[in-house]
Amino acid sequence: MILPGKHIRQDRALLVVGGDILSVLDGPMTISQIWKRVQSLRETREEASPLSFDWFVLALTLLYAISAVERSGDQVLPVGNLHVVHWATKNAEAAAHFGG
């Protein structure tokens, strides 16, 4: 679920969806703004799996749990320097190795 595996396609793994979120999160944004940008990003990919809002929220919750994003009022913003997290989410194979 967090990482791709036998039954979870790479683009549906929460870590990869989290990478999509981080890639569009260039400053404080509402959840609706992030959702729209992630949808637009995924529409540009060939054979991308559909992404439900529930799955998007799970990925956002994961990012919050690992302190990659924080909440400020009704907005979400990235936390500090996320180069390692962003790299890992863009490379699921490396993320699987990096995670254990």
PDB file of N, CA and C in Angstrom:
ATOM      1  N   MET A   1       0.825  -1.187   0.000  1.00  0.00           N
ATOM      2  CA  MET A   1       0.000   0.000   0.000  1.00  0.00           C
ATOM      3  C   MET A   1       0.877   1.261   0.000  1.00  0.00           C
ATOM      4  N   ILE A   2       1.856   1.282   0.888  1.00  0.00           N
ATOM      5  CA  ILE A   2       2.735   2.445   0.924  1.00  0.00           C
ATOM      6  C   ILE A   2       3.729   2.371  -0.232  1.00  0.00           C
ATOM      7  N   LEU A   3       4.268   1.174  -0.458  1.00  0.00           N
ATOM      8  CA  LEU A   3       5.196   0.944  -1.557  1.00  0.00           C
ATOM      9  C   LEU A   3       4.528   0.074  -2.614  1.00  0.00           C
ATOM     10  N   PRO A   4       4.980   0.158  -3.856  1.00  0.00           N
ATOM     11  CA  PRO A   4       4.415  -0.729  -4.880  1.00  0.00           C
ATOM     12  C   PRO A   4       4.767  -2.179  -4.554  1.00  0.00           C
ATOM     13  N   GLY A   5       3.924  -3.059  -5.003  1.00  0.00           N
ATOM     14  CA  GLY A   5       4.172  -4.476  -4.754  1.00  0.00           C
ATOM     15  C   GLY A   5       3.433  -5.325  -5.763  1.00  0.00           C
ATOM     16  N   LYS A   6       3.243  -6.566  -5.420  1.00  0.00           N
ATOM     17  CA  LYS A   6       2.611  -7.520  -6.324  1.00  0.00           C
ATOM     18  C   LYS A   6       1.192  -7.089  -6.711  1.00  0.00           C
ATOM     19  N   HIS A   7       0.451  -6.528  -5.756  1.00  0.00           N
ATOM     20  CA  HIS A   7      -0.944  -6.172  -6.009  1.00  0.00           C
ATOM     21  C   HIS A   7      -1.194  -4.665  -6.070  1.00  0.00           C
ATOM     22  N   ILE A   8      -0.146  -3.877  -5.945  1.00  0.00           N
ATOM     23  CA  ILE A   8      -0.271  -2.409  -6.005  1.00  0.00           C
ATOM     24  C   ILE A   8       0.639  -1.905  -7.121  1.00  0.00           C
ATOM     25  N   ARG A   9       0.023  -1.314  -8.132  1.00  0.00           N
ATOM     26  CA  ARG A   9       0.818  -0.737  -9.226  1.00  0.00           C
ATOM     27  C   ARG A   9       1.672   0.407  -8.699  1.00  0.00           C
ATOM     28  N   GLN A  10       2.768   0.645  -9.388  1.00  0.00           N
ATOM     29  CA  GLN A  10       3.702   1.677  -8.964  1.00  0.00           C
ATOM     30  C   GLN A  10       3.022   3.033  -8.807  1.00  0.00           C
ATOM     31  N   ASP A  11       2.196   3.427  -9.758  1.00  0.00           N
ATOM     32  CA  ASP A  11       1.594   4.764  -9.694  1.00  0.00           C
ATOM     33  C   ASP A  11       0.466   4.876  -8.671  1.00  0.00           C
ATOM     34  N   ARG A  12       0.078   3.745  -8.034  1.00  0.00           N
ATOM     35  CA  ARG A  12      -0.945   3.785  -6.986  1.00  0.00           C
ATOM     36  C   ARG A  12      -0.358   3.696  -5.586  1.00  0.00           C
ATOM     37  N   ALA A  13       0.925   3.386  -5.472  1.00  0.00           N
ATOM     38  CA  ALA A  13       1.564   3.309  -4.161  1.00  0.00           C
ATOM     39  C   ALA A  13       1.480   4.679  -3.484  1.00  0.00           C
ATOM     40  N   LEU A  14       1.182   4.669  -2.207  1.00  0.00           N
ATOM     41  CA  LEU A  14       1.001   5.932  -1.496  1.00  0.00           C
ATOM     42  C   LEU A  14       2.254   6.794  -1.522  1.00  0.00           C
ATOM     43  N   LEU A  15       3.414   6.179  -1.511  1.00  0.00           N
ATOM     44  CA  LEU A  15       4.644   6.950  -1.562  1.00  0.00           C
ATOM     45  C   LEU A  15       4.793   7.673  -2.905  1.00  0.00           C
ATOM     46  N   VAL A  16       4.377   7.034  -3.985  1.00  0.00           N
ATOM     47  CA  VAL A  16       4.444   7.659  -5.307  1.00  0.00           C
ATOM     48  C   VAL A  16       3.386   8.756  -5.434  1.00  0.00           C
ATOM     49  N   VAL A  17       2.174   8.494  -4.939  1.00  0.00           N
ATOM     50  CA  VAL A  17       1.137   9.535  -4.943  1.00  0.00           C
ATOM     51  C   VAL A  17       1.608  10.709  -4.078  1.00  0.00           C
ATOM     52  N   GLY A  18       2.277  10.401  -2.970  1.00  0.00           N
ATOM     53  CA  GLY A  18       2.852  11.457  -2.140  1.00  0.00           C
ATOM     54  C   GLY A  18       3.874  12.276  -2.902  1.00  0.00           C
ATOM     55  N   GLY A  19       4.653  11.612  -3.749  1.00  0.00           N
ATOM     56  CA  GLY A  19       5.605  12.333  -4.601  1.00  0.00           C
ATOM     57  C   GLY A  19       4.907  13.260  -5.569  1.00  0.00           C
ATOM     58  N   ASP A  20       3.765  12.803  -6.101  1.00  0.00           N
ATOM     59  CA  ASP A  20       2.971  13.671  -6.977  1.00  0.00           C
ATOM     60  C   ASP A  20       2.500  14.900  -6.207  1.00  0.00           C
ATOM     61  N   ILE A  21       2.072  14.673  -4.974  1.00  0.00           N
ATOM     62  CA  ILE A  21       1.600  15.791  -4.145  1.00  0.00           C
ATOM     63  C   ILE A  21       2.746  16.769  -3.902  1.00  0.00           C
ATOM     64  N   LEU A  22       3.902  16.253  -3.515  1.00  0.00           N
ATOM     65  CA  LEU A  22       5.045  17.130  -3.250  1.00  0.00           C
ATOM     66  C   LEU A  22       5.493  17.877  -4.500  1.00  0.00           C
ATOM     67  N   SER A  23       5.355  17.243  -5.654  1.00  0.00           N
ATOM     68  CA  SER A  23       5.803  17.895  -6.883  1.00  0.00           C
ATOM     69  C   SER A  23       4.918  19.075  -7.280  1.00  0.00           C
ATOM     70  N   VAL A  24       3.665  19.074  -6.853  1.00  0.00           N
ATOM     71  CA  VAL A  24       2.780  20.198  -7.185  1.00  0.00           C
ATOM     72  C   VAL A  24       2.669  21.200  -6.043  1.00  0.00           C
ATOM     73  N   LEU A  25       3.140  20.825  -4.874  1.00  0.00           N
ATOM     74  CA  LEU A  25       3.018  21.668  -3.681  1.00  0.00           C
ATOM     75  C   LEU A  25       4.188  22.641  -3.631  1.00  0.00           C
ATOM     76  N   ASP A  26       4.021  23.788  -4.280  1.00  0.00           N
ATOM     77  CA  ASP A  26       5.108  24.763  -4.359  1.00  0.00           C
ATOM     78  C   ASP A  26       4.944  25.912  -3.371  1.00  0.00           C
ATOM     79  N   GLY A  27       4.039  25.750  -2.434  1.00  0.00           N
ATOM     80  CA  GLY A  27       3.779  26.749  -1.411  1.00  0.00           C
ATOM     81  C   GLY A  27       2.496  26.388  -0.707  1.00  0.00           C
ATOM     82  N   PRO A  28       2.025  27.226   0.196  1.00  0.00           N
ATOM     83  CA  PRO A  28       0.775  26.931   0.889  1.00  0.00           C
ATOM     84  C   PRO A  28      -0.387  26.808  -0.103  1.00  0.00           C
ATOM     85  N   MET A  29      -1.120  25.703   0.001  1.00  0.00           N
ATOM     86  CA  MET A  29      -2.260  25.453  -0.894  1.00  0.00           C
ATOM     87  C   MET A  29      -3.361  24.763  -0.111  1.00  0.00           C
ATOM     88  N   THR A  30      -4.596  24.955  -0.545  1.00  0.00           N
ATOM     89  CA  THR A  30      -5.702  24.216   0.049  1.00  0.00           C
ATOM     90  C   THR A  30      -5.695  22.791  -0.491  1.00  0.00           C
ATOM     91  N   ILE A  31      -6.376  21.908   0.199  1.00  0.00           N
ATOM     92  CA  ILE A  31      -6.469  20.519  -0.250  1.00  0.00           C
ATOM     93  C   ILE A  31      -7.118  20.454  -1.628  1.00  0.00           C
ATOM     94  N   SER A  32      -8.120  21.277  -1.871  1.00  0.00           N
ATOM     95  CA  SER A  32      -8.781  21.299  -3.181  1.00  0.00           C
ATOM     96  C   SER A  32      -7.817  21.694  -4.293  1.00  0.00           C
ATOM     97  N   GLN A  33      -6.981  22.674  -4.031  1.00  0.00           N
ATOM     98  CA  GLN A  33      -5.996  23.103  -5.033  1.00  0.00           C
ATOM     99  C   GLN A  33      -4.998  21.986  -5.322  1.00  0.00           C
ATOM    100  N   ILE A  34      -4.528  21.326  -4.267  1.00  0.00           N
ATOM    101  CA  ILE A  34      -3.580  20.230  -4.453  1.00  0.00           C
ATOM    102  C   ILE A  34      -4.237  19.104  -5.242  1.00  0.00           C
ATOM    103  N   TRP A  35      -5.467  18.752  -4.889  1.00  0.00           N
ATOM    104  CA  TRP A  35      -6.216  17.679  -5.562  1.00  0.00           C
ATOM    105  C   TRP A  35      -6.330  17.967  -7.061  1.00  0.00           C
ATOM    106  N   LYS A  36      -6.705  19.196  -7.413  1.00  0.00           N
ATOM    107  CA  LYS A  36      -6.845  19.558  -8.827  1.00  0.00           C
ATOM    108  C   LYS A  36      -5.517  19.452  -9.565  1.00  0.00           C
ATOM    109  N   ARG A  37      -4.444  19.920  -8.934  1.00  0.00           N
ATOM    110  CA  ARG A  37      -3.128  19.861  -9.583  1.00  0.00           C
ATOM    111  C   ARG A  37      -2.638  18.424  -9.755  1.00  0.00           C
ATOM    112  N   VAL A  38      -2.874  17.588  -8.755  1.00  0.00           N
ATOM    113  CA  VAL A  38      -2.464  16.186  -8.849  1.00  0.00           C
ATOM    114  C   VAL A  38      -3.261  15.485  -9.949  1.00  0.00           C
ATOM    115  N   GLN A  39      -4.556  15.760 -10.026  1.00  0.00           N
ATOM    116  CA  GLN A  39      -5.371  15.178 -11.094  1.00  0.00           C
ATOM    117  C   GLN A  39      -4.833  15.599 -12.463  1.00  0.00           C
ATOM    118  N   SER A  40      -4.527  16.869 -12.623  1.00  0.00           N
ATOM    119  CA  SER A  40      -3.992  17.367 -13.898  1.00  0.00           C
ATOM    120  C   SER A  40      -2.661  16.697 -14.225  1.00  0.00           C
ATOM    121  N   LEU A  41      -1.810  16.554 -13.232  1.00  0.00           N
ATOM    122  CA  LEU A  41      -0.516  15.913 -13.434  1.00  0.00           C
ATOM    123  C   LEU A  41      -0.698  14.466 -13.894  1.00  0.00           C
ATOM    124  N   ARG A  42      -1.581  13.735 -13.243  1.00  0.00           N
ATOM    125  CA  ARG A  42      -1.772  12.323 -13.570  1.00  0.00           C
ATOM    126  C   ARG A  42      -2.459  12.131 -14.921  1.00  0.00           C
ATOM    127  N   GLU A  43      -3.254  13.106 -15.350  1.00  0.00           N
ATOM    128  CA  GLU A  43      -3.919  13.009 -16.659  1.00  0.00           C
ATOM    129  C   GLU A  43      -2.914  13.058 -17.801  1.00  0.00           C
ATOM    130  N   THR A  44      -1.744  13.609 -17.559  1.00  0.00           N
ATOM    131  CA  THR A  44      -0.729  13.712 -18.613  1.00  0.00           C
ATOM    132  C   THR A  44       0.034  12.410 -18.805  1.00  0.00           C
ATOM    133  N   ARG A  45      -0.124  11.469 -17.900  1.00  0.00           N
ATOM    134  CA  ARG A  45       0.605  10.197 -17.966  1.00  0.00           C
ATOM    135  C   ARG A  45      -0.196   9.144 -18.717  1.00  0.00           C
ATOM    136  N   GLU A  46       0.490   8.416 -19.563  1.00  0.00           N
ATOM    137  CA  GLU A  46      -0.165   7.314 -20.259  1.00  0.00           C
ATOM    138  C   GLU A  46      -0.380   6.168 -19.287  1.00  0.00           C
ATOM    139  N   GLU A  47      -1.514   5.521 -19.394  1.00  0.00           N
ATOM    140  CA  GLU A  47      -1.861   4.342 -18.606  1.00  0.00           C
ATOM    141  C   GLU A  47      -1.787   4.567 -17.098  1.00  0.00           C
ATOM    142  N   ALA A  48      -2.050   5.773 -16.650  1.00  0.00           N
ATOM    143  CA  ALA A  48      -2.058   6.040 -15.213  1.00  0.00           C
ATOM    144  C   ALA A  48      -3.314   5.435 -14.589  1.00  0.00           C
ATOM    145  N   SER A  49      -3.145   4.850 -13.427  1.00  0.00           N
ATOM    146  CA  SER A  49      -4.283   4.297 -12.699  1.00  0.00           C
ATOM    147  C   SER A  49      -5.177   5.431 -12.223  1.00  0.00           C
ATOM    148  N   PRO A  50      -6.481   5.188 -12.154  1.00  0.00           N
ATOM    149  CA  PRO A  50      -7.361   6.221 -11.597  1.00  0.00           C
ATOM    150  C   PRO A  50      -7.000   6.472 -10.131  1.00  0.00           C
ATOM    151  N   LEU A  51      -7.139   7.696  -9.700  1.00  0.00           N
ATOM    152  CA  LEU A  51      -6.830   8.059  -8.320  1.00  0.00           C
ATOM    153  C   LEU A  51      -8.096   8.587  -7.664  1.00  0.00           C
ATOM    154  N   SER A  52      -8.570   7.880  -6.651  1.00  0.00           N
ATOM    155  CA  SER A  52      -9.750   8.349  -5.925  1.00  0.00           C
ATOM    156  C   SER A  52      -9.329   9.405  -4.909  1.00  0.00           C
ATOM    157  N   PHE A  53     -10.287  10.201  -4.499  1.00  0.00           N
ATOM    158  CA  PHE A  53     -10.001  11.222  -3.498  1.00  0.00           C
ATOM    159  C   PHE A  53      -9.574  10.570  -2.184  1.00  0.00           C
ATOM    160  N   ASP A  54     -10.172   9.424  -1.842  1.00  0.00           N
ATOM    161  CA  ASP A  54      -9.797   8.707  -0.617  1.00  0.00           C
ATOM    162  C   ASP A  54      -8.320   8.321  -0.634  1.00  0.00           C
ATOM    163  N   TRP A  55      -7.853   7.813  -1.779  1.00  0.00           N
ATOM    164  CA  TRP A  55      -6.458   7.393  -1.909  1.00  0.00           C
ATOM    165  C   TRP A  55      -5.533   8.613  -1.820  1.00  0.00           C
ATOM    166  N   PHE A  56      -5.956   9.720  -2.428  1.00  0.00           N
ATOM    167  CA  PHE A  56      -5.219  10.980  -2.350  1.00  0.00           C
ATOM    168  C   PHE A  56      -5.080  11.419  -0.892  1.00  0.00           C
ATOM    169  N   VAL A  57      -6.174  11.339  -0.129  1.00  0.00           N
ATOM    170  CA  VAL A  57      -6.143  11.749   1.275  1.00  0.00           C
ATOM    171  C   VAL A  57      -5.229  10.828   2.084  1.00  0.00           C
ATOM    172  N   LEU A  58      -5.231   9.532   1.779  1.00  0.00           N
ATOM    173  CA  LEU A  58      -4.313   8.610   2.454  1.00  0.00           C
ATOM    174  C   LEU A  58      -2.858   9.006   2.208  1.00  0.00           C
ATOM    175  N   ALA A  59      -2.540   9.364   0.974  1.00  0.00           N
ATOM    176  CA  ALA A  59      -1.176   9.785   0.645  1.00  0.00           C
ATOM    177  C   ALA A  59      -0.828  11.086   1.366  1.00  0.00           C
ATOM    178  N   LEU A  60      -1.763  12.004   1.424  1.00  0.00           N
ATOM    179  CA  LEU A  60      -1.540  13.263   2.123  1.00  0.00           C
ATOM    180  C   LEU A  60      -1.345  13.012   3.622  1.00  0.00           C
ATOM    181  N   THR A  61      -2.105  12.079   4.174  1.00  0.00           N
ATOM    182  CA  THR A  61      -1.962  11.710   5.579  1.00  0.00           C
ATOM    183  C   THR A  61      -0.598  11.084   5.840  1.00  0.00           C
ATOM    184  N   LEU A  62      -0.129  10.260   4.918  1.00  0.00           N
ATOM    185  CA  LEU A  62       1.204   9.679   5.045  1.00  0.00           C
ATOM    186  C   LEU A  62       2.264  10.778   5.079  1.00  0.00           C
ATOM    187  N   LEU A  63       2.153  11.742   4.183  1.00  0.00           N
ATOM    188  CA  LEU A  63       3.110  12.856   4.161  1.00  0.00           C
ATOM    189  C   LEU A  63       3.087  13.626   5.477  1.00  0.00           C
ATOM    190  N   TYR A  64       1.895  13.805   6.038  1.00  0.00           N
ATOM    191  CA  TYR A  64       1.776  14.491   7.322  1.00  0.00           C
ATOM    192  C   TYR A  64       2.411  13.646   8.436  1.00  0.00           C
ATOM    193  N   ALA A  65       2.197  12.339   8.394  1.00  0.00           N
ATOM    194  CA  ALA A  65       2.729  11.441   9.426  1.00  0.00           C
ATOM    195  C   ALA A  65       4.253  11.411   9.432  1.00  0.00           C
ATOM    196  N   ILE A  66       4.871  11.566   8.272  1.00  0.00           N
ATOM    197  CA  ILE A  66       6.340  11.563   8.212  1.00  0.00           C
ATOM    198  C   ILE A  66       6.904  12.987   8.239  1.00  0.00           C
ATOM    199  N   SER A  67       6.050  13.945   8.566  1.00  0.00           N
ATOM    200  CA  SER A  67       6.439  15.360   8.701  1.00  0.00           C
ATOM    201  C   SER A  67       6.982  15.961   7.418  1.00  0.00           C
ATOM    202  N   ALA A  68       6.455  15.521   6.282  1.00  0.00           N
ATOM    203  CA  ALA A  68       6.846  16.095   4.997  1.00  0.00           C
ATOM    204  C   ALA A  68       5.985  17.306   4.650  1.00  0.00           C
ATOM    205  N   VAL A  69       4.794  17.376   5.241  1.00  0.00           N
ATOM    206  CA  VAL A  69       3.902  18.524   5.065  1.00  0.00           C
ATOM    207  C   VAL A  69       3.338  18.896   6.435  1.00  0.00           C
ATOM    208  N   GLU A  70       2.860  20.110   6.530  1.00  0.00           N
ATOM    209  CA  GLU A  70       2.181  20.538   7.750  1.00  0.00           C
ATOM    210  C   GLU A  70       0.956  21.356   7.384  1.00  0.00           C
ATOM    211  N   ARG A  71       0.093  21.522   8.357  1.00  0.00           N
ATOM    212  CA  ARG A  71      -1.151  22.263   8.164  1.00  0.00           C
ATOM    213  C   ARG A  71      -1.019  23.637   8.791  1.00  0.00           C
ATOM    214  N   SER A  72      -1.570  24.619   8.108  1.00  0.00           N
ATOM    215  CA  SER A  72      -1.638  25.965   8.644  1.00  0.00           C
ATOM    216  C   SER A  72      -3.011  26.512   8.284  1.00  0.00           C
ATOM    217  N   GLY A  73      -3.923  26.473   9.231  1.00  0.00           N
ATOM    218  CA  GLY A  73      -5.303  26.863   8.942  1.00  0.00           C
ATOM    219  C   GLY A  73      -5.910  25.871   7.978  1.00  0.00           C
ATOM    220  N   ASP A  74      -6.420  26.367   6.860  1.00  0.00           N
ATOM    221  CA  ASP A  74      -7.017  25.473   5.860  1.00  0.00           C
ATOM    222  C   ASP A  74      -6.040  25.143   4.734  1.00  0.00           C
ATOM    223  N   GLN A  75      -4.761  25.420   4.954  1.00  0.00           N
ATOM    224  CA  GLN A  75      -3.769  25.181   3.914  1.00  0.00           C
ATOM    225  C   GLN A  75      -2.740  24.136   4.340  1.00  0.00           C
ATOM    226  N   VAL A  76      -2.155  23.508   3.334  1.00  0.00           N
ATOM    227  CA  VAL A  76      -1.089  22.529   3.528  1.00  0.00           C
ATOM    228  C   VAL A  76       0.167  23.122   2.917  1.00  0.00           C
ATOM    229  N   LEU A  77       1.300  22.947   3.590  1.00  0.00           N
ATOM    230  CA  LEU A  77       2.540  23.458   3.039  1.00  0.00           C
ATOM    231  C   LEU A  77       3.660  22.449   3.258  1.00  0.00           C
ATOM    232  N   PRO A  78       4.645  22.444   2.337  1.00  0.00           N
ATOM    233  CA  PRO A  78       5.767  21.522   2.482  1.00  0.00           C
ATOM    234  C   PRO A  78       6.633  21.928   3.666  1.00  0.00           C
ATOM    235  N   VAL A  79       7.326  20.957   4.232  1.00  0.00           N
ATOM    236  CA  VAL A  79       8.185  21.218   5.387  1.00  0.00           C
ATOM    237  C   VAL A  79       9.646  21.113   4.975  1.00  0.00           C
ATOM    238  N   GLY A  80      10.412  22.150   5.228  1.00  0.00           N
ATOM    239  CA  GLY A  80      11.862  22.127   5.078  1.00  0.00           C
ATOM    240  C   GLY A  80      12.378  21.599   3.763  1.00  0.00           C
ATOM    241  N   ASN A  81      13.541  20.971   3.841  1.00  0.00           N
ATOM    242  CA  ASN A  81      14.252  20.454   2.683  1.00  0.00           C
ATOM    243  C   ASN A  81      13.844  19.001   2.458  1.00  0.00           C
ATOM    244  N   LEU A  82      13.108  18.735   1.406  1.00  0.00           N
ATOM    245  CA  LEU A  82      12.571  17.403   1.153  1.00  0.00           C
ATOM    246  C   LEU A  82      13.221  16.708  -0.027  1.00  0.00           C
ATOM    247  N   HIS A  83      14.459  17.040  -0.360  1.00  0.00           N
ATOM    248  CA  HIS A  83      15.096  16.441  -1.536  1.00  0.00           C
ATOM    249  C   HIS A  83      15.140  14.922  -1.467  1.00  0.00           C
ATOM    250  N   VAL A  84      15.465  14.342  -0.319  1.00  0.00           N
ATOM    251  CA  VAL A  84      15.558  12.884  -0.203  1.00  0.00           C
ATOM    252  C   VAL A  84      14.177  12.261  -0.328  1.00  0.00           C
ATOM    253  N   VAL A  85      13.183  12.807   0.356  1.00  0.00           N
ATOM    254  CA  VAL A  85      11.825  12.265   0.264  1.00  0.00           C
ATOM    255  C   VAL A  85      11.310  12.395  -1.160  1.00  0.00           C
ATOM    256  N   HIS A  86      11.524  13.538  -1.789  1.00  0.00           N
ATOM    257  CA  HIS A  86      11.055  13.755  -3.147  1.00  0.00           C
ATOM    258  C   HIS A  86      11.740  12.783  -4.117  1.00  0.00           C
ATOM    259  N   TRP A  87      13.038  12.557  -3.960  1.00  0.00           N
ATOM    260  CA  TRP A  87      13.762  11.616  -4.816  1.00  0.00           C
ATOM    261  C   TRP A  87      13.192  10.218  -4.651  1.00  0.00           C
ATOM    262  N   ALA A  88      12.958   9.792  -3.422  1.00  0.00           N
ATOM    263  CA  ALA A  88      12.472   8.440  -3.162  1.00  0.00           C
ATOM    264  C   ALA A  88      11.083   8.231  -3.749  1.00  0.00           C
ATOM    265  N   THR A  89      10.242   9.236  -3.699  1.00  0.00           N
ATOM    266  CA  THR A  89       8.891   9.076  -4.231  1.00  0.00           C
ATOM    267  C   THR A  89       8.883   9.050  -5.742  1.00  0.00           C
ATOM    268  N   LYS A  90       9.881   9.632  -6.381  1.00  0.00           N
ATOM    269  CA  LYS A  90       9.946   9.621  -7.839  1.00  0.00           C
ATOM    270  C   LYS A  90      10.557   8.334  -8.373  1.00  0.00           C
ATOM    271  N   ASN A  91      11.180   7.558  -7.515  1.00  0.00           N
ATOM    272  CA  ASN A  91      11.830   6.331  -7.938  1.00  0.00           C
ATOM    273  C   ASN A  91      11.371   5.199  -7.029  1.00  0.00           C
ATOM    274  N   ALA A  92      10.257   4.574  -7.360  1.00  0.00           N
ATOM    275  CA  ALA A  92       9.632   3.592  -6.484  1.00  0.00           C
ATOM    276  C   ALA A  92      10.549   2.405  -6.207  1.00  0.00           C
ATOM    277  N   GLU A  93      11.334   1.994  -7.186  1.00  0.00           N
ATOM    278  CA  GLU A  93      12.240   0.870  -6.967  1.00  0.00           C
ATOM    279  C   GLU A  93      13.272   1.238  -5.909  1.00  0.00           C
ATOM    280  N   ALA A  94      13.825   2.430  -6.022  1.00  0.00           N
ATOM    281  CA  ALA A  94      14.785   2.887  -5.032  1.00  0.00           C
ATOM    282  C   ALA A  94      14.098   3.084  -3.690  1.00  0.00           C
ATOM    283  N   ALA A  95      12.857   3.538  -3.716  1.00  0.00           N
ATOM    284  CA  ALA A  95      12.113   3.748  -2.466  1.00  0.00           C
ATOM    285  C   ALA A  95      11.901   2.407  -1.763  1.00  0.00           C
ATOM    286  N   ALA A  96      11.610   1.345  -2.518  1.00  0.00           N
ATOM    287  CA  ALA A  96      11.425   0.034  -1.916  1.00  0.00           C
ATOM    288  C   ALA A  96      12.741  -0.426  -1.279  1.00  0.00           C
ATOM    289  N   HIS A  97      13.852  -0.185  -1.958  1.00  0.00           N
ATOM    290  CA  HIS A  97      15.156  -0.552  -1.413  1.00  0.00           C
ATOM    291  C   HIS A  97      15.499   0.329  -0.213  1.00  0.00           C
ATOM    292  N   PHE A  98      15.223   1.624  -0.322  1.00  0.00           N
ATOM    293  CA  PHE A  98      15.529   2.592   0.725  1.00  0.00           C
ATOM    294  C   PHE A  98      14.714   2.281   1.976  1.00  0.00           C
ATOM    295  N   GLY A  99      13.480   1.829   1.793  1.00  0.00           N
ATOM    296  CA  GLY A  99      12.597   1.551   2.917  1.00  0.00           C
ATOM    297  C   GLY A  99      12.842   0.204   3.564  1.00  0.00           C
ATOM    298  N   GLY A 100      13.698  -0.602   3.026  1.00  0.00           N
ATOM    299  CA  GLY A 100      13.973  -1.873   3.687  1.00  0.00           C
ATOM    300  C   GLY A 100      14.054  -2.931   2.713  1.00  0.00           C
TER     301      GLY A 100
END
